Amino acid sequence: QPLGIEAICVYFSYRLLAERLAGLGLAVLRFDYDGTGDSSGRETDPDR
C-alpha cells in the first residue's frame, strides 16, 4: 500500500481487490508497514 493519506484512500479498493483476486484462485496478502495502521511501532521510530 501507499503511505499517509494515500493509504487511507486506497484501503477499501485494496480490500476489494484482494477479495476479487482470491475469487480468481490467488492467495493475497495485504498488510500494514511497521509503525503504520494496525502494525506495532510508530512512524517516528528510527530507520523507517
All heavy atoms as atom14 arrays in JSON, in Angstrom:
{
  "sequence": "QPLGIEAICVYFSYRLLAERLAGLGLAVLRFDYDGTGDSSGRETDPDR",
  "atom14_mask": [
    [1, 1, 1, 1, 1, 1, 1, 1, 1, 0, 0, 0, 0, 0],
    [1, 1, 1, 1, 1, 1, 1, 0, 0, 0, 0, 0, 0, 0],
    [1, 1, 1, 1, 1, 1, 1, 1, 0, 0, 0, 0, 0, 0],
    [1, 1, 1, 1, 0, 0, 0, 0, 0, 0, 0, 0, 0, 0],
    [1, 1, 1, 1, 1, 1, 1, 1, 0, 0, 0, 0, 0, 0],
    [1, 1, 1, 1, 1, 1, 1, 1, 1, 0, 0, 0, 0, 0],
    [1, 1, 1, 1, 1, 0, 0, 0, 0, 0, 0, 0, 0, 0],
    [1, 1, 1, 1, 1, 1, 1, 1, 0, 0, 0, 0, 0, 0],
    [1, 1, 1, 1, 1, 1, 0, 0, 0, 0, 0, 0, 0, 0],
    [1, 1, 1, 1, 1, 1, 1, 0, 0, 0, 0, 0, 0, 0],
    [1, 1, 1, 1, 1, 1, 1, 1, 1, 1, 1, 1, 0, 0],
    [1, 1, 1, 1, 1, 1, 1, 1, 1, 1, 1, 0, 0, 0],
    [1, 1, 1, 1, 1, 1, 0, 0, 0, 0, 0, 0, 0, 0],
    [1, 1, 1, 1, 1, 1, 1, 1, 1, 1, 1, 1, 0, 0],
    [1, 1, 1, 1, 1, 1, 1, 1, 1, 1, 1, 0, 0, 0],
    [1, 1, 1, 1, 1, 1, 1, 1, 0, 0, 0, 0, 0, 0],
    [1, 1, 1, 1, 1, 1, 1, 1, 0, 0, 0, 0, 0, 0],
    [1, 1, 1, 1, 1, 0, 0, 0, 0, 0, 0, 0, 0, 0],
    [1, 1, 1, 1, 1, 1, 1, 1, 1, 0, 0, 0, 0, 0],
    [1, 1, 1, 1, 1, 1, 1, 1, 1, 1, 1, 0, 0, 0],
    [1, 1, 1, 1, 1, 1, 1, 1, 0, 0, 0, 0, 0, 0],
    [1, 1, 1, 1, 1, 0, 0, 0, 0, 0, 0, 0, 0, 0],
    [1, 1, 1, 1, 0, 0, 0, 0, 0, 0, 0, 0, 0, 0],
    [1, 1, 1, 1, 1, 1, 1, 1, 0, 0, 0, 0, 0, 0],
    [1, 1, 1, 1, 0, 0, 0, 0, 0, 0, 0, 0, 0, 0],
    [1, 1, 1, 1, 1, 1, 1, 1, 0, 0, 0, 0, 0, 0],
    [1, 1, 1, 1, 1, 0, 0, 0, 0, 0, 0, 0, 0, 0],
    [1, 1, 1, 1, 1, 1, 1, 0, 0, 0, 0, 0, 0, 0],
    [1, 1, 1, 1, 1, 1, 1, 1, 0, 0, 0, 0, 0, 0],
    [1, 1, 1, 1, 1, 1, 1, 1, 1, 1, 1, 0, 0, 0],
    [1, 1, 1, 1, 1, 1, 1, 1, 1, 1, 1, 0, 0, 0],
    [1, 1, 1, 1, 1, 1, 1, 1, 0, 0, 0, 0, 0, 0],
    [1, 1, 1, 1, 1, 1, 1, 1, 1, 1, 1, 1, 0, 0],
    [1, 1, 1, 1, 1, 1, 1, 1, 0, 0, 0, 0, 0, 0],
    [1, 1, 1, 1, 0, 0, 0, 0, 0, 0, 0, 0, 0, 0],
    [1, 1, 1, 1, 1, 1, 1, 0, 0, 0, 0, 0, 0, 0],
    [1, 1, 1, 1, 0, 0, 0, 0, 0, 0, 0, 0, 0, 0],
    [1, 1, 1, 1, 1, 1, 1, 1, 0, 0, 0, 0, 0, 0],
    [1, 1, 1, 1, 1, 1, 0, 0, 0, 0, 0, 0, 0, 0],
    [1, 1, 1, 1, 1, 1, 0, 0, 0, 0, 0, 0, 0, 0],
    [1, 1, 1, 1, 0, 0, 0, 0, 0, 0, 0, 0, 0, 0],
    [1, 1, 1, 1, 1, 1, 1, 1, 1, 1, 1, 0, 0, 0],
    [1, 1, 1, 1, 1, 1, 1, 1, 1, 0, 0, 0, 0, 0],
    [1, 1, 1, 1, 1, 1, 1, 0, 0, 0, 0, 0, 0, 0],
    [1, 1, 1, 1, 1, 1, 1, 1, 0, 0, 0, 0, 0, 0],
    [1, 1, 1, 1, 1, 1, 1, 0, 0, 0, 0, 0, 0, 0],
    [1, 1, 1, 1, 1, 1, 1, 1, 0, 0, 0, 0, 0, 0],
    [1, 1, 1, 1, 1, 1, 1, 1, 1, 1, 1, 0, 0, 0]
  ],
  "atom14_positions": [
    [[0.82, -1.2, 0.0], [0.0, 0.0, 0.0], [0.86, 1.26, 0.0], [2.06, 1.21, 0.24], [-0.93, 0.0, 1.2], [-0.24, 0.08, 2.54], [-1.24, 0.08, 3.68], [-2.44, 0.09, 3.49], [-0.74, 0.06, 4.89], [0.0, 0.0, 0.0], [0.0, 0.0, 0.0], [0.0, 0.0, 0.0], [0.0, 0.0, 0.0], [0.0, 0.0, 0.0]],
    [[0.24, 2.42, -0.27], [0.96, 3.69, -0.17], [1.18, 4.07, 1.29], [0.96, 3.26, 2.19], [0.05, 4.68, -0.89], [-1.04, 3.88, -1.52], [-1.13, 2.6, -0.75], [0.0, 0.0, 0.0], [0.0, 0.0, 0.0], [0.0, 0.0, 0.0], [0.0, 0.0, 0.0], [0.0, 0.0, 0.0], [0.0, 0.0, 0.0], [0.0, 0.0, 0.0]],
    [[1.56, 5.32, 1.51], [1.76, 5.84, 2.86], [0.88, 7.07, 3.07], [0.48, 7.74, 2.12], [3.23, 6.24, 3.08], [4.25, 5.1, 3.15], [5.67, 5.67, 3.12], [4.05, 4.27, 4.42], [0.0, 0.0, 0.0], [0.0, 0.0, 0.0], [0.0, 0.0, 0.0], [0.0, 0.0, 0.0], [0.0, 0.0, 0.0], [0.0, 0.0, 0.0]],
    [[0.6, 7.35, 4.34], [-0.13, 8.56, 4.67], [-1.57, 8.55, 4.19], [-2.24, 7.5, 4.19], [0.0, 0.0, 0.0], [0.0, 0.0, 0.0], [0.0, 0.0, 0.0], [0.0, 0.0, 0.0], [0.0, 0.0, 0.0], [0.0, 0.0, 0.0], [0.0, 0.0, 0.0], [0.0, 0.0, 0.0], [0.0, 0.0, 0.0], [0.0, 0.0, 0.0]],
    [[-2.03, 9.69, 3.71], [-3.43, 9.81, 3.31], [-3.75, 8.93, 2.11], [-4.88, 8.47, 1.95], [-3.77, 11.3, 3.0], [-5.29, 11.48, 2.94], [-3.08, 11.78, 1.73], [-5.73, 12.92, 2.9], [0.0, 0.0, 0.0], [0.0, 0.0, 0.0], [0.0, 0.0, 0.0], [0.0, 0.0, 0.0], [0.0, 0.0, 0.0], [0.0, 0.0, 0.0]],
    [[-2.74, 8.64, 1.27], [-2.99, 7.78, 0.12], [-3.33, 6.36, 0.56], [-4.12, 5.67, -0.09], [-1.78, 7.78, -0.81], [-1.58, 9.11, -1.53], [-0.4, 9.12, -2.47], [0.58, 8.38, -2.19], [-0.45, 9.85, -3.47], [0.0, 0.0, 0.0], [0.0, 0.0, 0.0], [0.0, 0.0, 0.0], [0.0, 0.0, 0.0], [0.0, 0.0, 0.0]],
    [[-2.74, 5.91, 1.66], [-3.06, 4.58, 2.2], [-4.52, 4.53, 2.65], [-5.21, 3.52, 2.46], [-2.14, 4.24, 3.36], [0.0, 0.0, 0.0], [0.0, 0.0, 0.0], [0.0, 0.0, 0.0], [0.0, 0.0, 0.0], [0.0, 0.0, 0.0], [0.0, 0.0, 0.0], [0.0, 0.0, 0.0], [0.0, 0.0, 0.0], [0.0, 0.0, 0.0]],
    [[-4.99, 5.62, 3.25], [-6.39, 5.69, 3.67], [-7.31, 5.67, 2.45], [-8.34, 5.0, 2.44], [-6.62, 6.97, 4.5], [-5.76, 6.94, 5.77], [-8.1, 7.12, 4.86], [-5.76, 8.25, 6.54], [0.0, 0.0, 0.0], [0.0, 0.0, 0.0], [0.0, 0.0, 0.0], [0.0, 0.0, 0.0], [0.0, 0.0, 0.0], [0.0, 0.0, 0.0]],
    [[-6.9, 6.38, 1.4], [-7.74, 6.48, 0.2], [-7.9, 5.14, -0.52], [-8.93, 4.88, -1.14], [-7.15, 7.51, -0.75], [-7.28, 9.22, -0.16], [0.0, 0.0, 0.0], [0.0, 0.0, 0.0], [0.0, 0.0, 0.0], [0.0, 0.0, 0.0], [0.0, 0.0, 0.0], [0.0, 0.0, 0.0], [0.0, 0.0, 0.0], [0.0, 0.0, 0.0]],
    [[-6.88, 4.29, -0.47], [-6.94, 3.03, -1.23], [-7.36, 1.84, -0.36], [-7.45, 0.72, -0.86], [-5.6, 2.7, -1.92], [-5.14, 3.84, -2.79], [-4.53, 2.31, -0.9], [0.0, 0.0, 0.0], [0.0, 0.0, 0.0], [0.0, 0.0, 0.0], [0.0, 0.0, 0.0], [0.0, 0.0, 0.0], [0.0, 0.0, 0.0], [0.0, 0.0, 0.0]],
    [[-7.63, 2.07, 0.92], [-7.91, 0.95, 1.81], [-9.05, 0.08, 1.29], [-8.91, -1.14, 1.18], [-8.26, 1.46, 3.22], [-8.65, 0.34, 4.16], [-7.67, -0.38, 4.85], [-9.98, -0.02, 4.35], [-8.02, -1.43, 5.7], [-10.33, -1.06, 5.19], [-9.35, -1.76, 5.86], [-9.7, -2.8, 6.69], [0.0, 0.0, 0.0], [0.0, 0.0, 0.0]],
    [[-10.19, 0.68, 0.96], [-11.33, -0.1, 0.51], [-11.03, -0.77, -0.83], [-11.4, -1.93, -1.06], [-12.58, 0.78, 0.38], [-13.78, 0.04, -0.13], [-14.47, -0.85, 0.68], [-14.21, 0.21, -1.44], [-15.57, -1.55, 0.2], [-15.31, -0.48, -1.93], [-15.99, -1.36, -1.1], [0.0, 0.0, 0.0], [0.0, 0.0, 0.0], [0.0, 0.0, 0.0]],
    [[-10.36, -0.04, -1.73], [-10.02, -0.61, -3.04], [-9.11, -1.83, -2.89], [-9.27, -2.82, -3.61], [-9.34, 0.45, -3.91], [-10.21, 1.53, -4.16], [0.0, 0.0, 0.0], [0.0, 0.0, 0.0], [0.0, 0.0, 0.0], [0.0, 0.0, 0.0], [0.0, 0.0, 0.0], [0.0, 0.0, 0.0], [0.0, 0.0, 0.0], [0.0, 0.0, 0.0]],
    [[-8.15, -1.75, -1.99], [-7.24, -2.88, -1.77], [-7.99, -4.08, -1.2], [-7.73, -5.22, -1.59], [-6.11, -2.46, -0.83], [-4.81, -2.16, -1.52], [-4.78, -1.77, -2.85], [-3.58, -2.27, -0.86], [-3.6, -1.49, -3.5], [-2.4, -1.99, -1.5], [-2.41, -1.6, -2.81], [-1.22, -1.32, -3.46], [0.0, 0.0, 0.0], [0.0, 0.0, 0.0]],
    [[-8.9, -3.83, -0.29], [-9.68, -4.94, 0.28], [-10.53, -5.6, -0.79], [-10.58, -6.84, -0.89], [-10.56, -4.44, 1.42], [-11.18, -5.57, 2.25], [-12.09, -5.06, 3.32], [-13.37, -4.62, 2.74], [-14.35, -4.04, 3.46], [-14.16, -3.79, 4.73], [-15.48, -3.69, 2.89], [0.0, 0.0, 0.0], [0.0, 0.0, 0.0], [0.0, 0.0, 0.0]],
    [[-11.17, -4.78, -1.61], [-12.0, -5.3, -2.7], [-11.14, -6.05, -3.72], [-11.51, -7.13, -4.19], [-12.74, -4.15, -3.37], [-13.77, -4.53, -4.44], [-14.88, -5.38, -3.84], [-14.35, -3.27, -5.09], [0.0, 0.0, 0.0], [0.0, 0.0, 0.0], [0.0, 0.0, 0.0], [0.0, 0.0, 0.0], [0.0, 0.0, 0.0], [0.0, 0.0, 0.0]],
    [[-9.98, -5.48, -4.06], [-9.07, -6.13, -4.99], [-8.62, -7.48, -4.45], [-8.59, -8.48, -5.18], [-7.86, -5.24, -5.26], [-6.77, -5.82, -6.15], [-7.29, -6.12, -7.54], [-5.58, -4.85, -6.22], [0.0, 0.0, 0.0], [0.0, 0.0, 0.0], [0.0, 0.0, 0.0], [0.0, 0.0, 0.0], [0.0, 0.0, 0.0], [0.0, 0.0, 0.0]],
    [[-8.27, -7.53, -3.17], [-7.82, -8.79, -2.57], [-8.92, -9.85, -2.63], [-8.66, -11.02, -2.94], [-7.41, -8.54, -1.11], [0.0, 0.0, 0.0], [0.0, 0.0, 0.0], [0.0, 0.0, 0.0], [0.0, 0.0, 0.0], [0.0, 0.0, 0.0], [0.0, 0.0, 0.0], [0.0, 0.0, 0.0], [0.0, 0.0, 0.0], [0.0, 0.0, 0.0]],
    [[-10.15, -9.44, -2.34], [-11.27, -10.4, -2.38], [-11.5, -10.91, -3.81], [-11.76, -12.1, -4.01], [-12.52, -9.73, -1.84], [-12.45, -9.44, -0.33], [-13.6, -8.58, 0.16], [-14.38, -8.08, -0.7], [-13.72, -8.4, 1.38], [0.0, 0.0, 0.0], [0.0, 0.0, 0.0], [0.0, 0.0, 0.0], [0.0, 0.0, 0.0], [0.0, 0.0, 0.0]],
    [[-11.39, -10.03, -4.79], [-11.62, -10.44, -6.17], [-10.5, -11.35, -6.67], [-10.75, -12.32, -7.4], [-11.76, -9.21, -7.06], [-13.06, -8.45, -6.82], [-13.27, -7.34, -7.82], [-14.57, -6.71, -7.64], [-15.02, -5.71, -8.39], [-14.27, -5.23, -9.36], [-16.21, -5.21, -8.17], [0.0, 0.0, 0.0], [0.0, 0.0, 0.0], [0.0, 0.0, 0.0]],
    [[-9.26, -11.04, -6.31], [-8.15, -11.89, -6.72], [-8.25, -13.26, -6.06], [-7.94, -14.28, -6.68], [-6.81, -11.22, -6.37], [-6.44, -9.98, -7.19], [-5.16, -9.35, -6.65], [-6.29, -10.33, -8.66], [0.0, 0.0, 0.0], [0.0, 0.0, 0.0], [0.0, 0.0, 0.0], [0.0, 0.0, 0.0], [0.0, 0.0, 0.0], [0.0, 0.0, 0.0]],
    [[-8.68, -13.28, -4.8], [-8.88, -14.57, -4.12], [-9.96, -15.37, -4.84], [-9.87, -16.6, -4.96], [-9.26, -14.34, -2.66], [0.0, 0.0, 0.0], [0.0, 0.0, 0.0], [0.0, 0.0, 0.0], [0.0, 0.0, 0.0], [0.0, 0.0, 0.0], [0.0, 0.0, 0.0], [0.0, 0.0, 0.0], [0.0, 0.0, 0.0], [0.0, 0.0, 0.0]],
    [[-10.98, -14.68, -5.34], [-12.03, -15.35, -6.1], [-11.54, -15.94, -7.4], [-12.17, -16.84, -7.96], [0.0, 0.0, 0.0], [0.0, 0.0, 0.0], [0.0, 0.0, 0.0], [0.0, 0.0, 0.0], [0.0, 0.0, 0.0], [0.0, 0.0, 0.0], [0.0, 0.0, 0.0], [0.0, 0.0, 0.0], [0.0, 0.0, 0.0], [0.0, 0.0, 0.0]],
    [[-10.38, -15.45, -7.87], [-9.78, -15.97, -9.1], [-8.73, -17.05, -8.82], [-8.01, -17.47, -9.73], [-9.15, -14.83, -9.89], [-10.12, -13.77, -10.43], [-9.34, -12.6, -11.02], [-11.03, -14.39, -11.48], [0.0, 0.0, 0.0], [0.0, 0.0, 0.0], [0.0, 0.0, 0.0], [0.0, 0.0, 0.0], [0.0, 0.0, 0.0], [0.0, 0.0, 0.0]],
    [[-8.63, -17.47, -7.56], [-7.73, -18.55, -7.22], [-6.36, -18.14, -6.71], [-5.42, -18.93, -6.7], [0.0, 0.0, 0.0], [0.0, 0.0, 0.0], [0.0, 0.0, 0.0], [0.0, 0.0, 0.0], [0.0, 0.0, 0.0], [0.0, 0.0, 0.0], [0.0, 0.0, 0.0], [0.0, 0.0, 0.0], [0.0, 0.0, 0.0], [0.0, 0.0, 0.0]],
    [[-6.24, -16.9, -6.25], [-4.95, -16.42, -5.75], [-5.0, -16.21, -4.24], [-6.01, -15.77, -3.7], [-4.57, -15.11, -6.43], [-4.37, -15.17, -7.95], [-4.22, -13.77, -8.52], [-3.16, -16.03, -8.3], [0.0, 0.0, 0.0], [0.0, 0.0, 0.0], [0.0, 0.0, 0.0], [0.0, 0.0, 0.0], [0.0, 0.0, 0.0], [0.0, 0.0, 0.0]],
    [[-3.9, -16.52, -3.59], [-3.74, -16.16, -2.18], [-3.21, -14.74, -2.14], [-2.2, -14.44, -2.78], [-2.78, -17.12, -1.49], [0.0, 0.0, 0.0], [0.0, 0.0, 0.0], [0.0, 0.0, 0.0], [0.0, 0.0, 0.0], [0.0, 0.0, 0.0], [0.0, 0.0, 0.0], [0.0, 0.0, 0.0], [0.0, 0.0, 0.0], [0.0, 0.0, 0.0]],
    [[-3.86, -13.86, -1.4], [-3.5, -12.44, -1.43], [-3.21, -11.96, 0.0], [-4.01, -12.18, 0.91], [-4.63, -11.59, -2.03], [-4.2, -10.14, -2.15], [-5.04, -12.14, -3.39], [0.0, 0.0, 0.0], [0.0, 0.0, 0.0], [0.0, 0.0, 0.0], [0.0, 0.0, 0.0], [0.0, 0.0, 0.0], [0.0, 0.0, 0.0], [0.0, 0.0, 0.0]],
    [[-2.08, -11.29, 0.14], [-1.69, -10.76, 1.45], [-1.61, -9.24, 1.36], [-0.87, -8.69, 0.56], [-0.33, -11.32, 1.88], [0.16, -10.88, 3.26], [-0.78, -11.38, 4.35], [1.57, -11.41, 3.52], [0.0, 0.0, 0.0], [0.0, 0.0, 0.0], [0.0, 0.0, 0.0], [0.0, 0.0, 0.0], [0.0, 0.0, 0.0], [0.0, 0.0, 0.0]],
    [[-2.44, -8.57, 2.16], [-2.33, -7.12, 2.31], [-1.93, -6.85, 3.76], [-2.34, -7.57, 4.68], [-3.62, -6.4, 1.92], [-4.86, -6.82, 2.66], [-6.12, -6.21, 2.04], [-7.31, -6.65, 2.76], [-7.9, -5.95, 3.72], [-7.41, -4.77, 4.08], [-8.97, -6.41, 4.33], [0.0, 0.0, 0.0], [0.0, 0.0, 0.0], [0.0, 0.0, 0.0]],
    [[-1.16, -5.81, 3.98], [-0.55, -5.64, 5.3], [-0.26, -4.17, 5.56], [-0.24, -3.34, 4.65], [0.75, -6.45, 5.38], [1.82, -5.95, 4.46], [2.82, -5.11, 4.92], [1.82, -6.31, 3.11], [3.79, -4.63, 4.06], [2.79, -5.83, 2.24], [3.78, -4.99, 2.71], [0.0, 0.0, 0.0], [0.0, 0.0, 0.0], [0.0, 0.0, 0.0]],
    [[-0.02, -3.87, 6.83], [0.41, -2.53, 7.25], [1.91, -2.55, 7.52], [2.41, -3.46, 8.19], [-0.32, -2.09, 8.52], [-1.81, -1.84, 8.3], [-2.17, -1.48, 7.15], [-2.59, -2.01, 9.24], [0.0, 0.0, 0.0], [0.0, 0.0, 0.0], [0.0, 0.0, 0.0], [0.0, 0.0, 0.0], [0.0, 0.0, 0.0], [0.0, 0.0, 0.0]],
    [[2.62, -1.58, 7.01], [4.04, -1.47, 7.29], [4.27, -1.25, 8.78], [3.4, -0.73, 9.48], [4.67, -0.3, 6.52], [4.46, -0.33, 5.04], [3.66, 0.63, 4.41], [5.05, -1.3, 4.25], [3.46, 0.61, 3.05], [4.85, -1.33, 2.87], [4.05, -0.37, 2.28], [3.85, -0.39, 0.92], [0.0, 0.0, 0.0], [0.0, 0.0, 0.0]],
    [[5.43, -1.63, 9.24], [5.82, -1.39, 10.62], [5.57, 0.08, 10.99], [5.96, 0.99, 10.25], [7.31, -1.72, 10.79], [7.78, -1.63, 12.23], [7.86, -0.49, 12.75], [8.08, -2.67, 12.82], [0.0, 0.0, 0.0], [0.0, 0.0, 0.0], [0.0, 0.0, 0.0], [0.0, 0.0, 0.0], [0.0, 0.0, 0.0], [0.0, 0.0, 0.0]],
    [[4.9, 0.3, 12.11], [4.66, 1.66, 12.58], [3.51, 2.36, 11.9], [3.29, 3.56, 12.14], [0.0, 0.0, 0.0], [0.0, 0.0, 0.0], [0.0, 0.0, 0.0], [0.0, 0.0, 0.0], [0.0, 0.0, 0.0], [0.0, 0.0, 0.0], [0.0, 0.0, 0.0], [0.0, 0.0, 0.0], [0.0, 0.0, 0.0], [0.0, 0.0, 0.0]],
    [[2.76, 1.65, 11.06], [1.59, 2.25, 10.4], [0.38, 1.37, 10.63], [0.51, 0.17, 10.91], [1.8, 2.42, 8.88], [1.79, 1.13, 8.25], [3.12, 3.12, 8.59], [0.0, 0.0, 0.0], [0.0, 0.0, 0.0], [0.0, 0.0, 0.0], [0.0, 0.0, 0.0], [0.0, 0.0, 0.0], [0.0, 0.0, 0.0], [0.0, 0.0, 0.0]],
    [[-0.81, 1.94, 10.48], [-2.04, 1.16, 10.59], [-2.12, 0.38, 11.88], [-1.91, 0.9, 12.98], [0.0, 0.0, 0.0], [0.0, 0.0, 0.0], [0.0, 0.0, 0.0], [0.0, 0.0, 0.0], [0.0, 0.0, 0.0], [0.0, 0.0, 0.0], [0.0, 0.0, 0.0], [0.0, 0.0, 0.0], [0.0, 0.0, 0.0], [0.0, 0.0, 0.0]],
    [[-2.39, -0.93, 11.76], [-2.54, -1.8, 12.93], [-1.25, -2.52, 13.31], [-1.25, -3.36, 14.21], [-3.64, -2.83, 12.66], [-5.02, -2.2, 12.61], [-5.3, -1.35, 13.49], [-5.8, -2.54, 11.71], [0.0, 0.0, 0.0], [0.0, 0.0, 0.0], [0.0, 0.0, 0.0], [0.0, 0.0, 0.0], [0.0, 0.0, 0.0], [0.0, 0.0, 0.0]],
    [[-0.16, -2.24, 12.6], [1.13, -2.85, 12.96], [1.74, -2.13, 14.15], [1.46, -0.95, 14.4], [2.1, -2.8, 11.77], [1.72, -3.72, 10.77], [0.0, 0.0, 0.0], [0.0, 0.0, 0.0], [0.0, 0.0, 0.0], [0.0, 0.0, 0.0], [0.0, 0.0, 0.0], [0.0, 0.0, 0.0], [0.0, 0.0, 0.0], [0.0, 0.0, 0.0]],
    [[2.59, -2.83, 14.89], [3.24, -2.23, 16.04], [4.29, -1.22, 15.6], [4.69, -1.2, 14.44], [3.89, -3.31, 16.9], [4.88, -4.01, 16.14], [0.0, 0.0, 0.0], [0.0, 0.0, 0.0], [0.0, 0.0, 0.0], [0.0, 0.0, 0.0], [0.0, 0.0, 0.0], [0.0, 0.0, 0.0], [0.0, 0.0, 0.0], [0.0, 0.0, 0.0]],
    [[4.74, -0.4, 16.53], [5.72, 0.62, 16.23], [5.07, 1.96, 15.97], [3.83, 2.09, 15.98], [0.0, 0.0, 0.0], [0.0, 0.0, 0.0], [0.0, 0.0, 0.0], [0.0, 0.0, 0.0], [0.0, 0.0, 0.0], [0.0, 0.0, 0.0], [0.0, 0.0, 0.0], [0.0, 0.0, 0.0], [0.0, 0.0, 0.0], [0.0, 0.0, 0.0]],
    [[5.92, 2.97, 15.73], [5.43, 4.32, 15.47], [6.11, 4.87, 14.24], [7.24, 4.51, 13.92], [5.72, 5.22, 16.68], [5.02, 4.82, 17.95], [5.44, 5.72, 19.1], [6.88, 5.61, 19.35], [7.55, 6.36, 20.23], [6.89, 7.28, 20.93], [8.84, 6.19, 20.41], [0.0, 0.0, 0.0], [0.0, 0.0, 0.0], [0.0, 0.0, 0.0]],
    [[5.43, 5.79, 13.55], [6.0, 6.37, 12.35], [7.22, 7.24, 12.65], [8.02, 7.54, 11.76], [4.95, 7.21, 11.63], [4.45, 8.39, 12.43], [3.24, 9.06, 11.82], [2.4, 8.36, 11.25], [3.13, 10.29, 11.93], [0.0, 0.0, 0.0], [0.0, 0.0, 0.0], [0.0, 0.0, 0.0], [0.0, 0.0, 0.0], [0.0, 0.0, 0.0]],
    [[7.39, 7.64, 13.91], [8.51, 8.48, 14.3], [9.7, 7.65, 14.79], [10.72, 8.22, 15.18], [8.09, 9.48, 15.39], [7.5, 8.76, 16.48], [7.09, 10.48, 14.84], [0.0, 0.0, 0.0], [0.0, 0.0, 0.0], [0.0, 0.0, 0.0], [0.0, 0.0, 0.0], [0.0, 0.0, 0.0], [0.0, 0.0, 0.0], [0.0, 0.0, 0.0]],
    [[9.59, 6.32, 14.8], [10.72, 5.49, 15.19], [11.85, 5.64, 14.18], [11.61, 6.03, 13.03], [10.29, 4.01, 15.27], [9.4, 3.71, 16.46], [9.41, 4.52, 17.4], [8.7, 2.69, 16.44], [0.0, 0.0, 0.0], [0.0, 0.0, 0.0], [0.0, 0.0, 0.0], [0.0, 0.0, 0.0], [0.0, 0.0, 0.0], [0.0, 0.0, 0.0]],
    [[13.09, 5.31, 14.57], [14.21, 5.43, 13.62], [14.18, 4.34, 12.55], [13.45, 3.35, 12.68], [15.44, 5.29, 14.52], [14.95, 4.47, 15.68], [13.53, 4.9, 15.9], [0.0, 0.0, 0.0], [0.0, 0.0, 0.0], [0.0, 0.0, 0.0], [0.0, 0.0, 0.0], [0.0, 0.0, 0.0], [0.0, 0.0, 0.0], [0.0, 0.0, 0.0]],
    [[14.97, 4.57, 11.51], [15.17, 3.58, 10.44], [13.86, 3.18, 9.76], [13.63, 2.01, 9.46], [15.87, 2.32, 10.98], [17.2, 2.63, 11.62], [17.95, 3.45, 11.07], [17.48, 2.06, 12.69], [0.0, 0.0, 0.0], [0.0, 0.0, 0.0], [0.0, 0.0, 0.0], [0.0, 0.0, 0.0], [0.0, 0.0, 0.0], [0.0, 0.0, 0.0]],
    [[12.99, 4.16, 9.51], [11.68, 3.85, 8.95], [11.77, 3.2, 7.58], [11.07, 2.22, 7.31], [10.83, 5.12, 8.85], [10.33, 5.65, 10.16], [9.39, 4.69, 10.85], [10.13, 3.68, 11.62], [9.62, 2.56, 12.06], [8.37, 2.25, 11.8], [10.34, 1.71, 12.75], [0.0, 0.0, 0.0], [0.0, 0.0, 0.0], [0.0, 0.0, 0.0]]
  ]
}
